[in-house]
C-alpha atoms as a PDB file:
ATOM      1  CA  UNK A   1      91.037  98.962 104.995  1.00  0.00           C
ATOM      2  CA  UNK A   2      92.586 102.193 104.225  1.00  0.00           C
ATOM      3  CA  UNK A   3      96.203 102.188 102.483  1.00  0.00           C
ATOM      4  CA  UNK A   4      98.493 104.974 101.346  1.00  0.00           C
ATOM      5  CA  UNK A   5     101.629 103.715  99.269  1.00  0.00           C
ATOM      6  CA  UNK A   6     104.294 106.024  98.287  1.00  0.00           C
ATOM      7  CA  UNK A   7     106.619 105.580  95.647  1.00  0.00           C
ATOM      8  CA  UNK A   8     109.573 107.122  93.840  1.00  0.00           C
ATOM      9  CA  UNK A   9     111.995 107.961  96.391  1.00  0.00           C
ATOM     10  CA  UNK A  10     115.521 107.431  95.755  1.00  0.00           C
ATOM     11  CA  UNK A  11     119.205 108.671  95.610  1.00  0.00           C
ATOM     12  CA  UNK A  12     119.911 111.763  93.553  1.00  0.00           C
ATOM     13  CA  UNK A  13     122.721 114.131  93.140  1.00  0.00           C
ATOM     14  CA  UNK A  14     122.330 117.995  94.004  1.00  0.00           C
ATOM     15  CA  UNK A  15     120.490 119.666  91.275  1.00  0.00           C
ATOM     16  CA  UNK A  16     118.679 116.545  90.415  1.00  0.00           C
ATOM     17  CA  UNK A  17     114.863 115.740  90.308  1.00  0.00           C
ATOM     18  CA  UNK A  18     112.550 113.059  91.831  1.00  0.00           C
ATOM     19  CA  UNK A  19     108.812 112.543  91.609  1.00  0.00           C
ATOM     20  CA  UNK A  20     106.927 110.895  94.405  1.00  0.00           C
ATOM     21  CA  UNK A  21     103.758 109.349  94.094  1.00  0.00           C
ATOM     22  CA  UNK A  22     101.217 108.254  96.773  1.00  0.00           C
ATOM     23  CA  UNK A  23      98.277 105.926  96.013  1.00  0.00           C
ATOM     24  CA  UNK A  24      95.351 105.534  98.195  1.00  0.00           C
ATOM     25  CA  UNK A  25      92.947 102.755  98.512  1.00  0.00           C
ATOM     26  CA  UNK A  26      90.588 100.940 100.593  1.00  0.00           C
ATOM     27  CA  UNK A  27      88.096 103.857 101.048  1.00  0.00           C
ATOM     28  CA  UNK A  28      84.916 104.996  99.487  1.00  0.00           C
ATOM     29  CA  UNK A  29      84.909 108.626 101.350  1.00  0.00           C
ATOM     30  CA  UNK A  30      85.982 111.693  99.520  1.00  0.00           C
ATOM     31  CA  UNK A  31      89.546 112.977 100.358  1.00  0.00           C
ATOM     32  CA  UNK A  32      89.492 116.632 101.393  1.00  0.00           C
ATOM     33  CA  UNK A  33      93.065 117.395 101.190  1.00  0.00           C
ATOM     34  CA  UNK A  34      96.388 115.581 100.854  1.00  0.00           C
ATOM     35  CA  UNK A  35      99.810 116.516 101.831  1.00  0.00           C
ATOM     36  CA  UNK A  36     103.466 115.529 101.839  1.00  0.00           C
ATOM     37  CA  UNK A  37     105.674 115.807 104.961  1.00  0.00           C
ATOM     38  CA  UNK A  38     109.124 114.931 105.552  1.00  0.00           C
ATOM     39  CA  UNK A  39     111.401 113.995 108.434  1.00  0.00           C
ATOM     40  CA  UNK A  40     115.026 114.288 108.420  1.00  0.00           C
ATOM     41  CA  UNK A  41     117.355 112.362 110.907  1.00  0.00           C
ATOM     42  CA  UNK A  42     117.108 114.015 114.416  1.00  0.00           C
ATOM     43  CA  UNK A  43     114.511 116.552 113.317  1.00  0.00           C
ATOM     44  CA  UNK A  44     110.699 116.732 113.604  1.00  0.00           C
ATOM     45  CA  UNK A  45     108.271 115.802 110.688  1.00  0.00           C
ATOM     46  CA  UNK A  46     107.663 119.081 108.805  1.00  0.00           C
ATOM     47  CA  UNK A  47     105.185 119.915 106.362  1.00  0.00           C
ATOM     48  CA  UNK A  48     106.265 120.360 102.662  1.00  0.00           C
ATOM     49  CA  UNK A  49     103.334 120.869 100.733  1.00  0.00           C
ATOM     50  CA  UNK A  50      99.329 120.449 100.561  1.00  0.00           C
ATOM     51  CA  UNK A  51      96.610 120.224  97.926  1.00  0.00           C
ATOM     52  CA  UNK A  52      93.015 120.326  98.738  1.00  0.00           C
ATOM     53  CA  UNK A  53      90.310 118.452  96.509  1.00  0.00           C
ATOM     54  CA  UNK A  54      89.545 121.916  94.761  1.00  0.00           C
ATOM     55  CA  UNK A  55      93.545 121.978  93.631  1.00  0.00           C
ATOM     56  CA  UNK A  56      94.436 124.772  96.262  1.00  0.00           C
ATOM     57  CA  UNK A  57      97.939 124.468  97.333  1.00  0.00           C
ATOM     58  CA  UNK A  58     100.405 125.686  99.749  1.00  0.00           C
ATOM     59  CA  UNK A  59     104.221 124.948 100.312  1.00  0.00           C
ATOM     60  CA  UNK A  60     106.826 125.346 102.729  1.00  0.00           C
ATOM     61  CA  UNK A  61     108.965 128.391 101.984  1.00  0.00           C
ATOM     62  CA  UNK A  62     112.113 125.995 101.967  1.00  0.00           C
ATOM     63  CA  UNK A  63     110.555 124.324  98.848  1.00  0.00           C
ATOM     64  CA  UNK A  64     108.691 126.894  97.047  1.00  0.00           C
ATOM     65  CA  UNK A  65     109.751 127.318  93.497  1.00  0.00           C
ATOM     66  CA  UNK A  66     111.261 124.172  93.586  1.00  0.00           C
ATOM     67  CA  UNK A  67     108.617 121.420  94.469  1.00  0.00           C
ATOM     68  CA  UNK A  68     105.009 121.033  92.716  1.00  0.00           C
ATOM     69  CA  UNK A  69     102.043 118.970  94.327  1.00  0.00           C
ATOM     70  CA  UNK A  70      99.547 117.720  91.946  1.00  0.00           C
ATOM     71  CA  UNK A  71      96.499 115.277  92.395  1.00  0.00           C
ATOM     72  CA  UNK A  72      94.605 112.849  90.419  1.00  0.00           C
ATOM     73  CA  UNK A  73      91.117 113.151  92.145  1.00  0.00           C
ATOM     74  CA  UNK A  74      89.866 110.218  89.921  1.00  0.00           C
ATOM     75  CA  UNK A  75      92.701 108.043  91.051  1.00  0.00           C
ATOM     76  CA  UNK A  76      92.859 109.476  94.477  1.00  0.00           C
ATOM     77  CA  UNK A  77      96.580 109.929  94.026  1.00  0.00           C
ATOM     78  CA  UNK A  78      98.928 112.655  94.690  1.00  0.00           C
ATOM     79  CA  UNK A  79     102.336 113.529  93.258  1.00  0.00           C
ATOM     80  CA  UNK A  80     105.408 115.824  94.496  1.00  0.00           C
ATOM     81  CA  UNK A  81     107.766 116.650  91.862  1.00  0.00           C
ATOM     82  CA  UNK A  82     110.915 117.639  93.352  1.00  0.00           C
ATOM     83  CA  UNK A  83     113.343 119.777  91.073  1.00  0.00           C
ATOM     84  CA  UNK A  84     116.694 121.199  91.960  1.00  0.00           C
ATOM     85  CA  UNK A  85     117.017 119.232  94.997  1.00  0.00           C
ATOM     86  CA  UNK A  86     119.596 119.959  97.733  1.00  0.00           C
ATOM     87  CA  UNK A  87     121.163 118.239 100.226  1.00  0.00           C
ATOM     88  CA  UNK A  88     118.980 119.538 103.030  1.00  0.00           C
ATOM     89  CA  UNK A  89     115.998 117.893 101.222  1.00  0.00           C
ATOM     90  CA  UNK A  90     117.340 114.609 102.451  1.00  0.00           C
ATOM     91  CA  UNK A  91     114.576 112.946 104.433  1.00  0.00           C
ATOM     92  CA  UNK A  92     111.547 110.269 104.619  1.00  0.00           C
ATOM     93  CA  UNK A  93     109.069 111.679 102.780  1.00  0.00           C
ATOM     94  CA  UNK A  94     105.457 110.778 104.203  1.00  0.00           C
ATOM     95  CA  UNK A  95     102.128 111.269 102.341  1.00  0.00           C
ATOM     96  CA  UNK A  96      98.994 112.229 104.451  1.00  0.00           C
ATOM     97  CA  UNK A  97      95.267 111.984 103.306  1.00  0.00           C
ATOM     98  CA  UNK A  98      92.492 113.654 105.145  1.00  0.00           C
ATOM     99  CA  UNK A  99      89.212 111.762 104.391  1.00  0.00           C
ATOM    100  CA  UNK A 100      85.735 112.902 104.906  1.00  0.00           C
ATOM    101  CA  UNK A 101      84.221 111.267 108.310  1.00  0.00           C
ATOM    102  CA  UNK A 102      87.143 109.079 108.810  1.00  0.00           C
ATOM    103  CA  UNK A 103      89.799 111.335 109.330  1.00  0.00           C
ATOM    104  CA  UNK A 104      93.813 111.418 108.506  1.00  0.00           C
ATOM    105  CA  UNK A 105      96.006 108.576 107.380  1.00  0.00           C
ATOM    106  CA  UNK A 106      99.463 108.354 106.926  1.00  0.00           C
ATOM    107  CA  UNK A 107     101.828 106.422 104.381  1.00  0.00           C
ATOM    108  CA  UNK A 108     104.605 104.575 105.410  1.00  0.00           C
ATOM    109  CA  UNK A 109     107.405 106.880 104.130  1.00  0.00           C
ATOM    110  CA  UNK A 110     109.775 106.908 101.153  1.00  0.00           C
ATOM    111  CA  UNK A 111     113.658 107.630 101.574  1.00  0.00           C
ATOM    112  CA  UNK A 112     114.944 110.519  99.370  1.00  0.00           C
ATOM    113  CA  UNK A 113     118.651 110.698  99.717  1.00  0.00           C
ATOM    114  CA  UNK A 114     120.400 113.909  97.938  1.00  0.00           C
ATOM    115  CA  UNK A 115     124.078 113.670  97.841  1.00  0.00           C
ATOM    116  CA  UNK A 116     127.098 113.834  95.553  1.00  0.00           C
END
C-alpha cells in the first residue's frame, strides 16, 4: 500500500521558517516527480512547487525566492524549505507523488500557520 506522510508543519511568526518533509513508502516503482500543493480556507488547492527525478524544479510566483524544494531519491523523500513566511502562506500543505505505472498519490496534509 502506497503511503505519503508529511511532517514539519506548525505555527510560526511572519518572517520565520519551516521545513516540510514528505516520505513515501509501499511502492517499488520509480517516482517521476513530486510536488507540494497548498489549500487555504475557502480557496482552491494550488501548486506550490514541483521537482522531477532529474531535479528540475518549478515554483509558483508567490513563493519564488522564498521556498526551496529538494528531494532525496534514495529515500523517496521530498522537502520544502520555507523561508520569509507570510500570513498568506497559511494553509494545509499536501505532498503529491507521480509514480511510474501506478499514477498519482497524495498525502494527508500538514497545517502551516503564519501568525503574529
